[in-house]
C-alpha atoms as a PDB file:
ATOM      1  CA  MET A   1     -22.319 -10.728   7.097  1.00  0.00           C
ATOM      2  CA  LYS A   2     -19.571 -13.095   5.941  1.00  0.00           C
ATOM      3  CA  LYS A   3     -17.932 -10.216   4.060  1.00  0.00           C
ATOM      4  CA  PHE A   4     -17.661  -8.148   7.260  1.00  0.00           C
ATOM      5  CA  VAL A   5     -16.254 -11.064   9.253  1.00  0.00           C
ATOM      6  CA  LEU A   6     -13.658 -11.746   6.547  1.00  0.00           C
ATOM      7  CA  MET A   7     -12.737  -8.064   6.367  1.00  0.00           C
ATOM      8  CA  GLY A   8     -12.379  -7.938  10.165  1.00  0.00           C
ATOM      9  CA  LEU A   9     -10.055 -10.936  10.127  1.00  0.00           C
ATOM     10  CA  ILE A  10      -7.950  -9.338   7.397  1.00  0.00           C
ATOM     11  CA  LEU A  11      -7.686  -6.109   9.371  1.00  0.00           C
ATOM     12  CA  ILE A  12      -6.741  -7.875  12.591  1.00  0.00           C
ATOM     13  CA  SER A  13      -4.112  -9.989  10.844  1.00  0.00           C
ATOM     14  CA  GLY A  14      -2.613  -6.863   9.311  1.00  0.00           C
ATOM     15  CA  GLN A  15      -2.111  -5.339  12.734  1.00  0.00           C
ATOM     16  CA  CYS A  16      -0.411  -8.400  14.170  1.00  0.00           C
ATOM     17  CA  LEU A  17       1.797  -9.652  11.368  1.00  0.00           C
ATOM     18  CA  ALA A  18       4.478  -8.305   9.133  1.00  0.00           C
ATOM     19  CA  SER A  19       4.510  -9.303   5.503  1.00  0.00           C
ATOM     20  CA  ASP A  20       7.338 -11.519   4.324  1.00  0.00           C
ATOM     21  CA  TYR A  21       7.020 -10.190   0.765  1.00  0.00           C
ATOM     22  CA  LYS A  22      10.398  -9.545  -0.910  1.00  0.00           C
ATOM     23  CA  PRO A  23      10.385  -7.431  -4.062  1.00  0.00           C
ATOM     24  CA  ILE A  24      12.381  -8.401  -7.115  1.00  0.00           C
ATOM     25  CA  ILE A  25      15.470  -6.198  -7.278  1.00  0.00           C
ATOM     26  CA  GLY A  26      15.046  -3.587  -9.992  1.00  0.00           C
ATOM     27  CA  ASN A  27      11.256  -3.977 -10.198  1.00  0.00           C
ATOM     28  CA  SER A  28       9.276  -0.812 -10.915  1.00  0.00           C
ATOM     29  CA  GLY A  29       7.071   0.889  -8.343  1.00  0.00           C
ATOM     30  CA  ALA A  30       4.008  -0.203 -10.299  1.00  0.00           C
ATOM     31  CA  GLY A  31       5.297  -3.783 -10.364  1.00  0.00           C
ATOM     32  CA  ILE A  32       5.926  -3.897  -6.631  1.00  0.00           C
ATOM     33  CA  PHE A  33       2.531  -2.291  -6.016  1.00  0.00           C
ATOM     34  CA  ALA A  34       0.855  -4.933  -8.213  1.00  0.00           C
ATOM     35  CA  ASN A  35       2.525  -7.736  -6.247  1.00  0.00           C
ATOM     36  CA  ALA A  36       2.235  -6.404  -2.695  1.00  0.00           C
ATOM     37  CA  CYS A  37      -0.471  -3.752  -2.474  1.00  0.00           C
ATOM     38  CA  VAL A  38      -3.279  -4.394  -4.961  1.00  0.00           C
ATOM     39  CA  ASP A  39      -5.248  -6.818  -2.779  1.00  0.00           C
ATOM     40  CA  CYS A  40      -6.088  -4.075  -0.288  1.00  0.00           C
ATOM     41  CA  HIS A  41      -5.520  -0.841  -2.210  1.00  0.00           C
ATOM     42  CA  GLY A  42      -6.875  -1.815  -5.651  1.00  0.00           C
ATOM     43  CA  PHE A  43      -5.162  -1.569  -9.026  1.00  0.00           C
ATOM     44  CA  GLU A  44      -5.349   2.219  -9.161  1.00  0.00           C
ATOM     45  CA  GLY A  45      -5.292   2.969  -5.435  1.00  0.00           C
ATOM     46  CA  GLN A  46      -9.071   3.280  -5.259  1.00  0.00           C
ATOM     47  CA  GLY A  47      -9.320   0.978  -2.235  1.00  0.00           C
ATOM     48  CA  ALA A  48     -10.155  -2.671  -2.932  1.00  0.00           C
ATOM     49  CA  LEU A  49     -11.546  -3.222   0.566  1.00  0.00           C
ATOM     50  CA  GLY A  50     -13.261   0.105   1.100  1.00  0.00           C
ATOM     51  CA  SER A  51     -12.423   3.762   1.533  1.00  0.00           C
ATOM     52  CA  PHE A  52     -10.005   3.144   4.442  1.00  0.00           C
ATOM     53  CA  PHE A  53      -7.652   1.589   1.884  1.00  0.00           C
ATOM     54  CA  LYS A  54      -8.020   4.356  -0.696  1.00  0.00           C
ATOM     55  CA  LEU A  55      -4.783   6.032  -1.799  1.00  0.00           C
ATOM     56  CA  THR A  56      -6.153   8.322  -4.506  1.00  0.00           C
ATOM     57  CA  GLY A  57      -6.444  11.919  -3.378  1.00  0.00           C
ATOM     58  CA  SER A  58      -3.898  11.441  -0.583  1.00  0.00           C
ATOM     59  CA  THR A  59      -1.508  14.308   0.131  1.00  0.00           C
ATOM     60  CA  MET A  60       0.812  12.275   2.361  1.00  0.00           C
ATOM     61  CA  PRO A  61       4.484  13.142   1.752  1.00  0.00           C
ATOM     62  CA  THR A  62       6.712  10.484   0.179  1.00  0.00           C
ATOM     63  CA  GLU A  63       8.854  10.172   3.328  1.00  0.00           C
ATOM     64  CA  ALA A  64       5.755   9.372   5.426  1.00  0.00           C
ATOM     65  CA  ILE A  65       4.677   6.787   2.846  1.00  0.00           C
ATOM     66  CA  LYS A  66       8.072   5.084   3.176  1.00  0.00           C
ATOM     67  CA  ILE A  67       7.687   4.839   6.949  1.00  0.00           C
ATOM     68  CA  ILE A  68       4.227   3.294   6.679  1.00  0.00           C
ATOM     69  CA  ILE A  69       5.414   0.801   4.045  1.00  0.00           C
ATOM     70  CA  GLN A  70       8.277  -0.364   6.255  1.00  0.00           C
ATOM     71  CA  LYS A  71       6.684  -0.177   9.703  1.00  0.00           C
ATOM     72  CA  GLY A  72       3.022  -0.708   8.869  1.00  0.00           C
ATOM     73  CA  GLY A  73       0.077   1.410   9.864  1.00  0.00           C
ATOM     74  CA  THR A  74      -3.120   1.135  11.833  1.00  0.00           C
ATOM     75  CA  LEU A  75      -4.598  -1.400   9.420  1.00  0.00           C
ATOM     76  CA  MET A  76      -1.549  -2.266   7.347  1.00  0.00           C
ATOM     77  CA  PRO A  77       1.160  -4.863   7.945  1.00  0.00           C
ATOM     78  CA  ALA A  78       4.817  -3.841   7.841  1.00  0.00           C
ATOM     79  CA  PHE A  79       6.737  -4.553   4.655  1.00  0.00           C
ATOM     80  CA  ALA A  80      10.229  -4.400   6.182  1.00  0.00           C
ATOM     81  CA  ASN A  81      11.742  -6.291   3.235  1.00  0.00           C
ATOM     82  CA  ILE A  82      10.922  -3.448   0.869  1.00  0.00           C
ATOM     83  CA  LYS A  83      13.938  -1.167   1.205  1.00  0.00           C
ATOM     84  CA  GLY A  84      16.545   0.709  -0.760  1.00  0.00           C
ATOM     85  CA  GLU A  85      15.740   1.499  -4.370  1.00  0.00           C
ATOM     86  CA  GLU A  86      12.604  -0.674  -4.278  1.00  0.00           C
ATOM     87  CA  LEU A  87      11.239   1.378  -1.356  1.00  0.00           C
ATOM     88  CA  GLU A  88      12.016   4.581  -3.259  1.00  0.00           C
ATOM     89  CA  VAL A  89      10.230   3.547  -6.442  1.00  0.00           C
ATOM     90  CA  LEU A  90       7.241   2.105  -4.569  1.00  0.00           C
ATOM     91  CA  ALA A  91       6.797   5.197  -2.389  1.00  0.00           C
ATOM     92  CA  THR A  92       7.084   7.442  -5.451  1.00  0.00           C
ATOM     93  CA  TYR A  93       4.486   5.336  -7.258  1.00  0.00           C
ATOM     94  CA  VAL A  94       2.100   5.363  -4.277  1.00  0.00           C
ATOM     95  CA  ARG A  95       2.527   9.132  -3.971  1.00  0.00           C
ATOM     96  CA  SER A  96       1.667   9.521  -7.664  1.00  0.00           C
ATOM     97  CA  LEU A  97      -1.696   7.831  -7.014  1.00  0.00           C
ATOM     98  CA  GLY A  98      -2.610  10.659  -4.665  1.00  0.00           C
ATOM     99  CA  VAL A  99      -2.127  13.381  -7.261  1.00  0.00           C
ATOM    100  CA  PRO A 100      -5.573  14.624  -8.274  1.00  0.00           C
ATOM    101  CA  ALA A 101      -6.349  14.451 -11.985  1.00  0.00           C
ATOM    102  CA  ILE A 102      -6.188  17.804 -13.773  1.00  0.00           C
ATOM    103  CA  SER A 103      -9.484  18.610 -15.399  1.00  0.00           C
ATOM    104  CA  GLU A 104      -9.368  20.048 -18.879  1.00  0.00           C
END
């Protein structure tokens, strides 16, 4: 029960607040993801807090990913301080998590 209450509080706070996270200039997409996104989306985009936070298998275009990063989404806070080259590399990295693995 405590897990669901905590998750609910996290979701509500994400809707109401923007993140003040500022990426290090020149950091890689994976580095920014590790610092800003892992807590909810997991290390490989598998969804640390459940399937609503899963990025693997997504077909969302890179431009749409950029908008959600900067403005937030239904359950995600806005990361308005991620912009320019850092936004580009992060969005490209997030998009790469959605590419299905090729089976051999």
